[in-house]
Amino acid sequence: AAVSEYYFEEESLLALSLPASRLYPQII
């Protein structure tokens, strides 16, 4: 869950998580 683990002021984590979540279906 790319967004549910995101906390306030963790924009860098969100910036990594969202693109990774979009690539995940291709990897699977």
mmCIF file of all heavy atoms, coordinates in Angstrom:
data_MODEL
# 
_entry.id   MODEL 
# 
loop_
_atom_site.group_PDB 
_atom_site.id 
_atom_site.type_symbol 
_atom_site.label_atom_id 
_atom_site.label_alt_id 
_atom_site.label_comp_id 
_atom_site.label_asym_id 
_atom_site.label_entity_id 
_atom_site.label_seq_id 
_atom_site.pdbx_PDB_ins_code 
_atom_site.Cartn_x 
_atom_site.Cartn_y 
_atom_site.Cartn_z 
_atom_site.occupancy 
_atom_site.B_iso_or_equiv 
_atom_site.pdbx_formal_charge 
_atom_site.auth_seq_id 
_atom_site.auth_comp_id 
_atom_site.auth_asym_id 
_atom_site.auth_atom_id 
_atom_site.pdbx_PDB_model_num 
ATOM 1   N N   . ALA A 1 1  ? 0.840  -1.193  0.000   1.00 0.00 ? 1  ALA A N   1 
ATOM 2   C CA  . ALA A 1 1  ? 0.000  0.000   0.000   1.00 0.00 ? 1  ALA A CA  1 
ATOM 3   C C   . ALA A 1 1  ? 0.875  1.243   0.000   1.00 0.00 ? 1  ALA A C   1 
ATOM 4   O O   . ALA A 1 1  ? 1.371  1.666   1.036   1.00 0.00 ? 1  ALA A O   1 
ATOM 5   C CB  . ALA A 1 1  ? -0.919 -0.008  1.207   1.00 0.00 ? 1  ALA A CB  1 
ATOM 6   N N   . ALA A 1 2  ? 1.065  1.794   -1.173  1.00 0.00 ? 2  ALA A N   1 
ATOM 7   C CA  . ALA A 1 2  ? 1.984  2.925   -1.314  1.00 0.00 ? 2  ALA A CA  1 
ATOM 8   C C   . ALA A 1 2  ? 1.574  4.143   -0.498  1.00 0.00 ? 2  ALA A C   1 
ATOM 9   O O   . ALA A 1 2  ? 2.421  4.880   -0.018  1.00 0.00 ? 2  ALA A O   1 
ATOM 10  C CB  . ALA A 1 2  ? 2.077  3.310   -2.790  1.00 0.00 ? 2  ALA A CB  1 
ATOM 11  N N   . VAL A 1 3  ? 0.300  4.359   -0.332  1.00 0.00 ? 3  VAL A N   1 
ATOM 12  C CA  . VAL A 1 3  ? -0.149 5.584   0.328   1.00 0.00 ? 3  VAL A CA  1 
ATOM 13  C C   . VAL A 1 3  ? -0.479 5.361   1.799   1.00 0.00 ? 3  VAL A C   1 
ATOM 14  O O   . VAL A 1 3  ? -0.249 6.241   2.621   1.00 0.00 ? 3  VAL A O   1 
ATOM 15  C CB  . VAL A 1 3  ? -1.369 6.178   -0.420  1.00 0.00 ? 3  VAL A CB  1 
ATOM 16  C CG1 . VAL A 1 3  ? -1.868 7.425   0.272   1.00 0.00 ? 3  VAL A CG1 1 
ATOM 17  C CG2 . VAL A 1 3  ? -0.988 6.491   -1.855  1.00 0.00 ? 3  VAL A CG2 1 
ATOM 18  N N   . SER A 1 4  ? -0.954 4.189   2.179   1.00 0.00 ? 4  SER A N   1 
ATOM 19  C CA  . SER A 1 4  ? -1.377 4.009   3.564   1.00 0.00 ? 4  SER A CA  1 
ATOM 20  C C   . SER A 1 4  ? -0.209 4.023   4.549   1.00 0.00 ? 4  SER A C   1 
ATOM 21  O O   . SER A 1 4  ? -0.410 4.241   5.733   1.00 0.00 ? 4  SER A O   1 
ATOM 22  C CB  . SER A 1 4  ? -2.169 2.717   3.722   1.00 0.00 ? 4  SER A CB  1 
ATOM 23  O OG  . SER A 1 4  ? -1.335 1.608   3.529   1.00 0.00 ? 4  SER A OG  1 
ATOM 24  N N   . GLU A 1 5  ? 1.010  3.817   4.083   1.00 0.00 ? 5  GLU A N   1 
ATOM 25  C CA  . GLU A 1 5  ? 2.185  3.865   4.956   1.00 0.00 ? 5  GLU A CA  1 
ATOM 26  C C   . GLU A 1 5  ? 2.818  5.255   4.977   1.00 0.00 ? 5  GLU A C   1 
ATOM 27  O O   . GLU A 1 5  ? 3.828  5.468   5.625   1.00 0.00 ? 5  GLU A O   1 
ATOM 28  C CB  . GLU A 1 5  ? 3.226  2.841   4.489   1.00 0.00 ? 5  GLU A CB  1 
ATOM 29  C CG  . GLU A 1 5  ? 2.723  1.419   4.492   1.00 0.00 ? 5  GLU A CG  1 
ATOM 30  C CD  . GLU A 1 5  ? 2.374  0.910   5.886   1.00 0.00 ? 5  GLU A CD  1 
ATOM 31  O OE1 . GLU A 1 5  ? 3.069  1.277   6.845   1.00 0.00 ? 5  GLU A OE1 1 
ATOM 32  O OE2 . GLU A 1 5  ? 1.394  0.163   6.005   1.00 0.00 ? 5  GLU A OE2 1 
ATOM 33  N N   . TYR A 1 6  ? 2.231  6.171   4.272   1.00 0.00 ? 6  TYR A N   1 
ATOM 34  C CA  . TYR A 1 6  ? 2.764  7.532   4.128   1.00 0.00 ? 6  TYR A CA  1 
ATOM 35  C C   . TYR A 1 6  ? 2.358  8.391   5.326   1.00 0.00 ? 6  TYR A C   1 
ATOM 36  O O   . TYR A 1 6  ? 1.221  8.380   5.751   1.00 0.00 ? 6  TYR A O   1 
ATOM 37  C CB  . TYR A 1 6  ? 2.213  8.130   2.832   1.00 0.00 ? 6  TYR A CB  1 
ATOM 38  C CG  . TYR A 1 6  ? 2.463  9.588   2.630   1.00 0.00 ? 6  TYR A CG  1 
ATOM 39  C CD1 . TYR A 1 6  ? 3.728  10.062  2.323   1.00 0.00 ? 6  TYR A CD1 1 
ATOM 40  C CD2 . TYR A 1 6  ? 1.430  10.508  2.733   1.00 0.00 ? 6  TYR A CD2 1 
ATOM 41  C CE1 . TYR A 1 6  ? 3.966  11.406  2.128   1.00 0.00 ? 6  TYR A CE1 1 
ATOM 42  C CE2 . TYR A 1 6  ? 1.648  11.863  2.536   1.00 0.00 ? 6  TYR A CE2 1 
ATOM 43  C CZ  . TYR A 1 6  ? 2.921  12.301  2.241   1.00 0.00 ? 6  TYR A CZ  1 
ATOM 44  O OH  . TYR A 1 6  ? 3.151  13.633  2.049   1.00 0.00 ? 6  TYR A OH  1 
ATOM 45  N N   . TYR A 1 7  ? 3.324  9.108   5.881   1.00 0.00 ? 7  TYR A N   1 
ATOM 46  C CA  . TYR A 1 7  ? 3.067  10.018  6.989   1.00 0.00 ? 7  TYR A CA  1 
ATOM 47  C C   . TYR A 1 7  ? 3.324  11.456  6.556   1.00 0.00 ? 7  TYR A C   1 
ATOM 48  O O   . TYR A 1 7  ? 4.070  11.711  5.612   1.00 0.00 ? 7  TYR A O   1 
ATOM 49  C CB  . TYR A 1 7  ? 3.983  9.693   8.185   1.00 0.00 ? 7  TYR A CB  1 
ATOM 50  C CG  . TYR A 1 7  ? 3.666  8.372   8.810   1.00 0.00 ? 7  TYR A CG  1 
ATOM 51  C CD1 . TYR A 1 7  ? 4.447  7.261   8.525   1.00 0.00 ? 7  TYR A CD1 1 
ATOM 52  C CD2 . TYR A 1 7  ? 2.592  8.220   9.675   1.00 0.00 ? 7  TYR A CD2 1 
ATOM 53  C CE1 . TYR A 1 7  ? 4.157  6.032   9.092   1.00 0.00 ? 7  TYR A CE1 1 
ATOM 54  C CE2 . TYR A 1 7  ? 2.303  6.994   10.246  1.00 0.00 ? 7  TYR A CE2 1 
ATOM 55  C CZ  . TYR A 1 7  ? 3.090  5.905   9.949   1.00 0.00 ? 7  TYR A CZ  1 
ATOM 56  O OH  . TYR A 1 7  ? 2.805  4.697   10.500  1.00 0.00 ? 7  TYR A OH  1 
ATOM 57  N N   . PHE A 1 8  ? 2.753  12.388  7.254   1.00 0.00 ? 8  PHE A N   1 
ATOM 58  C CA  . PHE A 1 8  ? 2.932  13.806  6.987   1.00 0.00 ? 8  PHE A CA  1 
ATOM 59  C C   . PHE A 1 8  ? 4.423  14.133  6.871   1.00 0.00 ? 8  PHE A C   1 
ATOM 60  O O   . PHE A 1 8  ? 5.227  13.681  7.680   1.00 0.00 ? 8  PHE A O   1 
ATOM 61  C CB  . PHE A 1 8  ? 2.274  14.615  8.102   1.00 0.00 ? 8  PHE A CB  1 
ATOM 62  C CG  . PHE A 1 8  ? 2.400  16.099  7.932   1.00 0.00 ? 8  PHE A CG  1 
ATOM 63  C CD1 . PHE A 1 8  ? 1.748  16.753  6.905   1.00 0.00 ? 8  PHE A CD1 1 
ATOM 64  C CD2 . PHE A 1 8  ? 3.198  16.830  8.793   1.00 0.00 ? 8  PHE A CD2 1 
ATOM 65  C CE1 . PHE A 1 8  ? 1.871  18.117  6.741   1.00 0.00 ? 8  PHE A CE1 1 
ATOM 66  C CE2 . PHE A 1 8  ? 3.326  18.200  8.642   1.00 0.00 ? 8  PHE A CE2 1 
ATOM 67  C CZ  . PHE A 1 8  ? 2.660  18.854  7.610   1.00 0.00 ? 8  PHE A CZ  1 
ATOM 68  N N   . GLU A 1 9  ? 4.767  14.909  5.893   1.00 0.00 ? 9  GLU A N   1 
ATOM 69  C CA  . GLU A 1 9  ? 6.129  15.370  5.604   1.00 0.00 ? 9  GLU A CA  1 
ATOM 70  C C   . GLU A 1 9  ? 7.061  14.262  5.111   1.00 0.00 ? 9  GLU A C   1 
ATOM 71  O O   . GLU A 1 9  ? 8.274  14.370  5.205   1.00 0.00 ? 9  GLU A O   1 
ATOM 72  C CB  . GLU A 1 9  ? 6.750  16.094  6.805   1.00 0.00 ? 9  GLU A CB  1 
ATOM 73  C CG  . GLU A 1 9  ? 6.025  17.380  7.147   1.00 0.00 ? 9  GLU A CG  1 
ATOM 74  C CD  . GLU A 1 9  ? 6.704  18.162  8.266   1.00 0.00 ? 9  GLU A CD  1 
ATOM 75  O OE1 . GLU A 1 9  ? 7.649  17.656  8.892   1.00 0.00 ? 9  GLU A OE1 1 
ATOM 76  O OE2 . GLU A 1 9  ? 6.275  19.300  8.501   1.00 0.00 ? 9  GLU A OE2 1 
ATOM 77  N N   . GLU A 1 10 ? 6.507  13.192  4.548   1.00 0.00 ? 10 GLU A N   1 
ATOM 78  C CA  . GLU A 1 10 ? 7.324  12.139  3.939   1.00 0.00 ? 10 GLU A CA  1 
ATOM 79  C C   . GLU A 1 10 ? 7.109  12.130  2.425   1.00 0.00 ? 10 GLU A C   1 
ATOM 80  O O   . GLU A 1 10 ? 6.885  11.094  1.819   1.00 0.00 ? 10 GLU A O   1 
ATOM 81  C CB  . GLU A 1 10 ? 6.992  10.778  4.526   1.00 0.00 ? 10 GLU A CB  1 
ATOM 82  C CG  . GLU A 1 10 ? 7.482  10.593  5.930   1.00 0.00 ? 10 GLU A CG  1 
ATOM 83  C CD  . GLU A 1 10 ? 7.247  9.182   6.444   1.00 0.00 ? 10 GLU A CD  1 
ATOM 84  O OE1 . GLU A 1 10 ? 6.260  8.542   6.041   1.00 0.00 ? 10 GLU A OE1 1 
ATOM 85  O OE2 . GLU A 1 10 ? 8.064  8.736   7.251   1.00 0.00 ? 10 GLU A OE2 1 
ATOM 86  N N   . GLU A 1 11 ? 7.222  13.298  1.818   1.00 0.00 ? 11 GLU A N   1 
ATOM 87  C CA  . GLU A 1 11 ? 6.983  13.416  0.392   1.00 0.00 ? 11 GLU A CA  1 
ATOM 88  C C   . GLU A 1 11 ? 7.950  12.566  -0.428  1.00 0.00 ? 11 GLU A C   1 
ATOM 89  O O   . GLU A 1 11 ? 7.586  12.029  -1.472  1.00 0.00 ? 11 GLU A O   1 
ATOM 90  C CB  . GLU A 1 11 ? 7.062  14.875  -0.066  1.00 0.00 ? 11 GLU A CB  1 
ATOM 91  C CG  . GLU A 1 11 ? 5.890  15.725  0.386   1.00 0.00 ? 11 GLU A CG  1 
ATOM 92  C CD  . GLU A 1 11 ? 6.042  16.233  1.819   1.00 0.00 ? 11 GLU A CD  1 
ATOM 93  O OE1 . GLU A 1 11 ? 7.144  16.109  2.404   1.00 0.00 ? 11 GLU A OE1 1 
ATOM 94  O OE2 . GLU A 1 11 ? 5.041  16.737  2.365   1.00 0.00 ? 11 GLU A OE2 1 
ATOM 95  N N   . SER A 1 12 ? 9.195  12.428  0.051   1.00 0.00 ? 12 SER A N   1 
ATOM 96  C CA  . SER A 1 12 ? 10.168 11.627  -0.692  1.00 0.00 ? 12 SER A CA  1 
ATOM 97  C C   . SER A 1 12 ? 9.758  10.152  -0.716  1.00 0.00 ? 12 SER A C   1 
ATOM 98  O O   . SER A 1 12 ? 9.939  9.465   -1.726  1.00 0.00 ? 12 SER A O   1 
ATOM 99  C CB  . SER A 1 12 ? 11.576 11.793  -0.125  1.00 0.00 ? 12 SER A CB  1 
ATOM 100 O OG  . SER A 1 12 ? 11.612 11.412  1.231   1.00 0.00 ? 12 SER A OG  1 
ATOM 101 N N   . LEU A 1 13 ? 9.177  9.651   0.375   1.00 0.00 ? 13 LEU A N   1 
ATOM 102 C CA  . LEU A 1 13 ? 8.680  8.278   0.401   1.00 0.00 ? 13 LEU A CA  1 
ATOM 103 C C   . LEU A 1 13 ? 7.519  8.114   -0.570  1.00 0.00 ? 13 LEU A C   1 
ATOM 104 O O   . LEU A 1 13 ? 7.468  7.148   -1.327  1.00 0.00 ? 13 LEU A O   1 
ATOM 105 C CB  . LEU A 1 13 ? 8.240  7.895   1.814   1.00 0.00 ? 13 LEU A CB  1 
ATOM 106 C CG  . LEU A 1 13 ? 7.595  6.515   1.959   1.00 0.00 ? 13 LEU A CG  1 
ATOM 107 C CD1 . LEU A 1 13 ? 8.564  5.416   1.556   1.00 0.00 ? 13 LEU A CD1 1 
ATOM 108 C CD2 . LEU A 1 13 ? 7.111  6.310   3.385   1.00 0.00 ? 13 LEU A CD2 1 
ATOM 109 N N   . LEU A 1 14 ? 6.611  9.053   -0.572  1.00 0.00 ? 14 LEU A N   1 
ATOM 110 C CA  . LEU A 1 14 ? 5.481  8.997   -1.491  1.00 0.00 ? 14 LEU A CA  1 
ATOM 111 C C   . LEU A 1 14 ? 5.945  9.072   -2.942  1.00 0.00 ? 14 LEU A C   1 
ATOM 112 O O   . LEU A 1 14 ? 5.442  8.353   -3.803  1.00 0.00 ? 14 LEU A O   1 
ATOM 113 C CB  . LEU A 1 14 ? 4.496  10.134  -1.194  1.00 0.00 ? 14 LEU A CB  1 
ATOM 114 C CG  . LEU A 1 14 ? 3.182  10.096  -1.961  1.00 0.00 ? 14 LEU A CG  1 
ATOM 115 C CD1 . LEU A 1 14 ? 2.398  8.829   -1.621  1.00 0.00 ? 14 LEU A CD1 1 
ATOM 116 C CD2 . LEU A 1 14 ? 2.362  11.335  -1.672  1.00 0.00 ? 14 LEU A CD2 1 
ATOM 117 N N   . ALA A 1 15 ? 6.960  9.904   -3.208  1.00 0.00 ? 15 ALA A N   1 
ATOM 118 C CA  . ALA A 1 15 ? 7.489  10.049  -4.566  1.00 0.00 ? 15 ALA A CA  1 
ATOM 119 C C   . ALA A 1 15 ? 8.103  8.740   -5.074  1.00 0.00 ? 15 ALA A C   1 
ATOM 120 O O   . ALA A 1 15 ? 8.092  8.476   -6.280  1.00 0.00 ? 15 ALA A O   1 
ATOM 121 C CB  . ALA A 1 15 ? 8.523  11.162  -4.607  1.00 0.00 ? 15 ALA A CB  1 
ATOM 122 N N   . LEU A 1 16 ? 8.618  7.915   -4.196  1.00 0.00 ? 16 LEU A N   1 
ATOM 123 C CA  . LEU A 1 16 ? 9.144  6.597   -4.582  1.00 0.00 ? 16 LEU A CA  1 
ATOM 124 C C   . LEU A 1 16 ? 8.042  5.545   -4.649  1.00 0.00 ? 16 LEU A C   1 
ATOM 125 O O   . LEU A 1 16 ? 8.036  4.677   -5.519  1.00 0.00 ? 16 LEU A O   1 
ATOM 126 C CB  . LEU A 1 16 ? 10.197 6.132   -3.576  1.00 0.00 ? 16 LEU A CB  1 
ATOM 127 C CG  . LEU A 1 16 ? 11.519 6.867   -3.571  1.00 0.00 ? 16 LEU A CG  1 
ATOM 128 C CD1 . LEU A 1 16 ? 12.361 6.423   -2.378  1.00 0.00 ? 16 LEU A CD1 1 
ATOM 129 C CD2 . LEU A 1 16 ? 12.266 6.627   -4.864  1.00 0.00 ? 16 LEU A CD2 1 
ATOM 130 N N   . SER A 1 17 ? 7.107  5.604   -3.719  1.00 0.00 ? 17 SER A N   1 
ATOM 131 C CA  . SER A 1 17 ? 6.094  4.563   -3.589  1.00 0.00 ? 17 SER A CA  1 
ATOM 132 C C   . SER A 1 17 ? 5.076  4.542   -4.720  1.00 0.00 ? 17 SER A C   1 
ATOM 133 O O   . SER A 1 17 ? 4.708  3.468   -5.201  1.00 0.00 ? 17 SER A O   1 
ATOM 134 C CB  . SER A 1 17 ? 5.349  4.722   -2.264  1.00 0.00 ? 17 SER A CB  1 
ATOM 135 O OG  . SER A 1 17 ? 6.224  4.566   -1.192  1.00 0.00 ? 17 SER A OG  1 
ATOM 136 N N   . LEU A 1 18 ? 4.615  5.685   -5.136  1.00 0.00 ? 18 LEU A N   1 
ATOM 137 C CA  . LEU A 1 18 ? 3.578  5.708   -6.173  1.00 0.00 ? 18 LEU A CA  1 
ATOM 138 C C   . LEU A 1 18 ? 4.056  5.154   -7.515  1.00 0.00 ? 18 LEU A C   1 
ATOM 139 O O   . LEU A 1 18 ? 3.385  4.297   -8.095  1.00 0.00 ? 18 LEU A O   1 
ATOM 140 C CB  . LEU A 1 18 ? 2.993  7.114   -6.319  1.00 0.00 ? 18 LEU A CB  1 
ATOM 141 C CG  . LEU A 1 18 ? 2.115  7.547   -5.143  1.00 0.00 ? 18 LEU A CG  1 
ATOM 142 C CD1 . LEU A 1 18 ? 1.659  8.990   -5.319  1.00 0.00 ? 18 LEU A CD1 1 
ATOM 143 C CD2 . LEU A 1 18 ? 0.925  6.628   -4.975  1.00 0.00 ? 18 LEU A CD2 1 
ATOM 144 N N   . PRO A 1 19 ? 5.214  5.585   -8.034  1.00 0.00 ? 19 PRO A N   1 
ATOM 145 C CA  . PRO A 1 19 ? 5.687  4.973   -9.289  1.00 0.00 ? 19 PRO A CA  1 
ATOM 146 C C   . PRO A 1 19 ? 5.959  3.477   -9.137  1.00 0.00 ? 19 PRO A C   1 
ATOM 147 O O   . PRO A 1 19 ? 5.683  2.695   -10.046 1.00 0.00 ? 19 PRO A O   1 
ATOM 148 C CB  . PRO A 1 19 ? 6.977  5.741   -9.605  1.00 0.00 ? 19 PRO A CB  1 
ATOM 149 C CG  . PRO A 1 19 ? 6.854  7.028   -8.880  1.00 0.00 ? 19 PRO A CG  1 
ATOM 150 C CD  . PRO A 1 19 ? 6.060  6.706   -7.641  1.00 0.00 ? 19 PRO A CD  1 
ATOM 151 N N   . ALA A 1 20 ? 6.484  3.058   -7.975  1.00 0.00 ? 20 ALA A N   1 
ATOM 152 C CA  . ALA A 1 20 ? 6.739  1.639   -7.746  1.00 0.00 ? 20 ALA A CA  1 
ATOM 153 C C   . ALA A 1 20 ? 5.437  0.851   -7.764  1.00 0.00 ? 20 ALA A C   1 
ATOM 154 O O   . ALA A 1 20 ? 5.380  -0.262  -8.307  1.00 0.00 ? 20 ALA A O   1 
ATOM 155 C CB  . ALA A 1 20 ? 7.469  1.442   -6.422  1.00 0.00 ? 20 ALA A CB  1 
ATOM 156 N N   . SER A 1 21 ? 4.385  1.410   -7.189  1.00 0.00 ? 21 SER A N   1 
ATOM 157 C CA  . SER A 1 21 ? 3.102  0.698   -7.178  1.00 0.00 ? 21 SER A CA  1 
ATOM 158 C C   . SER A 1 21 ? 2.531  0.558   -8.586  1.00 0.00 ? 21 SER A C   1 
ATOM 159 O O   . SER A 1 21 ? 1.829  -0.408  -8.876  1.00 0.00 ? 21 SER A O   1 
ATOM 160 C CB  . SER A 1 21 ? 2.098  1.396   -6.259  1.00 0.00 ? 21 SER A CB  1 
ATOM 161 O OG  . SER A 1 21 ? 1.698  2.632   -6.797  1.00 0.00 ? 21 SER A OG  1 
ATOM 162 N N   . ARG A 1 22 ? 2.864  1.478   -9.455  1.00 0.00 ? 22 ARG A N   1 
ATOM 163 C CA  . ARG A 1 22 ? 2.392  1.383   -10.852 1.00 0.00 ? 22 ARG A CA  1 
ATOM 164 C C   . ARG A 1 22 ? 3.195  0.352   -11.648 1.00 0.00 ? 22 ARG A C   1 
ATOM 165 O O   . ARG A 1 22 ? 2.694  -0.214  -12.613 1.00 0.00 ? 22 ARG A O   1 
ATOM 166 C CB  . ARG A 1 22 ? 2.439  2.752   -11.501 1.00 0.00 ? 22 ARG A CB  1 
ATOM 167 C CG  . ARG A 1 22 ? 1.388  3.686   -10.921 1.00 0.00 ? 22 ARG A CG  1 
ATOM 168 C CD  . ARG A 1 22 ? 1.311  5.010   -11.661 1.00 0.00 ? 22 ARG A CD  1 
ATOM 169 N NE  . ARG A 1 22 ? 0.352  5.872   -11.016 1.00 0.00 ? 22 ARG A NE  1 
ATOM 170 C CZ  . ARG A 1 22 ? 0.672  6.840   -10.154 1.00 0.00 ? 22 ARG A CZ  1 
ATOM 171 N NH1 . ARG A 1 22 ? 1.928  7.099   -9.862  1.00 0.00 ? 22 ARG A NH1 1 
ATOM 172 N NH2 . ARG A 1 22 ? -0.274 7.579   -9.600  1.00 0.00 ? 22 ARG A NH2 1 
ATOM 173 N N   . LEU A 1 23 ? 4.445  0.116   -11.280 1.00 0.00 ? 23 LEU A N   1 
ATOM 174 C CA  . LEU A 1 23 ? 5.278  -0.885  -11.953 1.00 0.00 ? 23 LEU A CA  1 
ATOM 175 C C   . LEU A 1 23 ? 4.987  -2.306  -11.464 1.00 0.00 ? 23 LEU A C   1 
ATOM 176 O O   . LEU A 1 23 ? 5.253  -3.274  -12.172 1.00 0.00 ? 23 LEU A O   1 
ATOM 177 C CB  . LEU A 1 23 ? 6.763  -0.585  -11.719 1.00 0.00 ? 23 LEU A CB  1 
ATOM 178 C CG  . LEU A 1 23 ? 7.333  0.608   -12.443 1.00 0.00 ? 23 LEU A CG  1 
ATOM 179 C CD1 . LEU A 1 23 ? 8.767  0.878   -11.979 1.00 0.00 ? 23 LEU A CD1 1 
ATOM 180 C CD2 . LEU A 1 23 ? 7.292  0.395   -13.946 1.00 0.00 ? 23 LEU A CD2 1 
ATOM 181 N N   . TYR A 1 24 ? 4.449  -2.424  -10.280 1.00 0.00 ? 24 TYR A N   1 
ATOM 182 C CA  . TYR A 1 24 ? 4.258  -3.731  -9.658  1.00 0.00 ? 24 TYR A CA  1 
ATOM 183 C C   . TYR A 1 24 ? 3.448  -4.716  -10.522 1.00 0.00 ? 24 TYR A C   1 
ATOM 184 O O   . TYR A 1 24 ? 3.847  -5.876  -10.643 1.00 0.00 ? 24 TYR A O   1 
ATOM 185 C CB  . TYR A 1 24 ? 3.620  -3.557  -8.277  1.00 0.00 ? 24 TYR A CB  1 
ATOM 186 C CG  . TYR A 1 24 ? 3.509  -4.830  -7.501  1.00 0.00 ? 24 TYR A CG  1 
ATOM 187 C CD1 . TYR A 1 24 ? 4.642  -5.455  -6.986  1.00 0.00 ? 24 TYR A CD1 1 
ATOM 188 C CD2 . TYR A 1 24 ? 2.273  -5.432  -7.290  1.00 0.00 ? 24 TYR A CD2 1 
ATOM 189 C CE1 . TYR A 1 24 ? 4.549  -6.635  -6.273  1.00 0.00 ? 24 TYR A CE1 1 
ATOM 190 C CE2 . TYR A 1 24 ? 2.179  -6.613  -6.571  1.00 0.00 ? 24 TYR A CE2 1 
ATOM 191 C CZ  . TYR A 1 24 ? 3.313  -7.204  -6.072  1.00 0.00 ? 24 TYR A CZ  1 
ATOM 192 O OH  . TYR A 1 24 ? 3.217  -8.374  -5.378  1.00 0.00 ? 24 TYR A OH  1 
ATOM 193 N N   . PRO A 1 25 ? 2.355  -4.312  -11.166 1.00 0.00 ? 25 PRO A N   1 
ATOM 194 C CA  . PRO A 1 25 ? 1.621  -5.278  -11.996 1.00 0.00 ? 25 PRO A CA  1 
ATOM 195 C C   . PRO A 1 25 ? 2.475  -5.871  -13.121 1.00 0.00 ? 25 PRO A C   1 
ATOM 196 O O   . PRO A 1 25 ? 2.344  -7.053  -13.438 1.00 0.00 ? 25 PRO A O   1 
ATOM 197 C CB  . PRO A 1 25 ? 0.455  -4.455  -12.567 1.00 0.00 ? 25 PRO A CB  1 
ATOM 198 C CG  . PRO A 1 25 ? 0.259  -3.357  -11.578 1.00 0.00 ? 25 PRO A CG  1 
ATOM 199 C CD  . PRO A 1 25 ? 1.629  -3.029  -11.068 1.00 0.00 ? 25 PRO A CD  1 
ATOM 200 N N   . GLN A 1 26 ? 3.375  -5.079  -13.690 1.00 0.00 ? 26 GLN A N   1 
ATOM 201 C CA  . GLN A 1 26 ? 4.261  -5.595  -14.746 1.00 0.00 ? 26 GLN A CA  1 
ATOM 202 C C   . GLN A 1 26 ? 5.237  -6.622  -14.179 1.00 0.00 ? 26 GLN A C   1 
ATOM 203 O O   . GLN A 1 26 ? 5.515  -7.643  -14.808 1.00 0.00 ? 26 GLN A O   1 
ATOM 204 C CB  . GLN A 1 26 ? 5.049  -4.455  -15.381 1.00 0.00 ? 26 GLN A CB  1 
ATOM 205 C CG  . GLN A 1 26 ? 4.205  -3.445  -16.097 1.00 0.00 ? 26 GLN A CG  1 
ATOM 206 C CD  . GLN A 1 26 ? 5.005  -2.202  -16.470 1.00 0.00 ? 26 GLN A CD  1 
ATOM 207 O OE1 . GLN A 1 26 ? 6.205  -2.118  -16.251 1.00 0.00 ? 26 GLN A OE1 1 
ATOM 208 N NE2 . GLN A 1 26 ? 4.328  -1.227  -17.049 1.00 0.00 ? 26 GLN A NE2 1 
ATOM 209 N N   . ILE A 1 27 ? 5.762  -6.357  -12.998 1.00 0.00 ? 27 ILE A N   1 
ATOM 210 C CA  . ILE A 1 27 ? 6.700  -7.277  -12.365 1.00 0.00 ? 27 ILE A CA  1 
ATOM 211 C C   . ILE A 1 27 ? 6.006  -8.597  -12.044 1.00 0.00 ? 27 ILE A C   1 
ATOM 212 O O   . ILE A 1 27 ? 6.538  -9.682  -12.287 1.00 0.00 ? 27 ILE A O   1 
ATOM 213 C CB  . ILE A 1 27 ? 7.315  -6.645  -11.098 1.00 0.00 ? 27 ILE A CB  1 
ATOM 214 C CG1 . ILE A 1 27 ? 8.172  -5.443  -11.487 1.00 0.00 ? 27 ILE A CG1 1 
ATOM 215 C CG2 . ILE A 1 27 ? 8.118  -7.665  -10.297 1.00 0.00 ? 27 ILE A CG2 1 
ATOM 216 C CD1 . ILE A 1 27 ? 8.577  -4.565  -10.318 1.00 0.00 ? 27 ILE A CD1 1 
ATOM 217 N N   . ILE A 1 28 ? 4.797  -8.516  -11.516 1.00 0.00 ? 28 ILE A N   1 
ATOM 218 C CA  . ILE A 1 28 ? 4.031  -9.720  -11.189 1.00 0.00 ? 28 ILE A CA  1 
ATOM 219 C C   . ILE A 1 28 ? 3.700  -10.516 -12.444 1.00 0.00 ? 28 ILE A C   1 
ATOM 220 O O   . ILE A 1 28 ? 3.789  -11.750 -12.456 1.00 0.00 ? 28 ILE A O   1 
ATOM 221 C CB  . ILE A 1 28 ? 2.742  -9.345  -10.414 1.00 0.00 ? 28 ILE A CB  1 
ATOM 222 C CG1 . ILE A 1 28 ? 3.102  -8.898  -9.012  1.00 0.00 ? 28 ILE A CG1 1 
ATOM 223 C CG2 . ILE A 1 28 ? 1.750  -10.488 -10.367 1.00 0.00 ? 28 ILE A CG2 1 
ATOM 224 C CD1 . ILE A 1 28 ? 3.785  -9.963  -8.180  1.00 0.00 ? 28 ILE A CD1 1 
# 
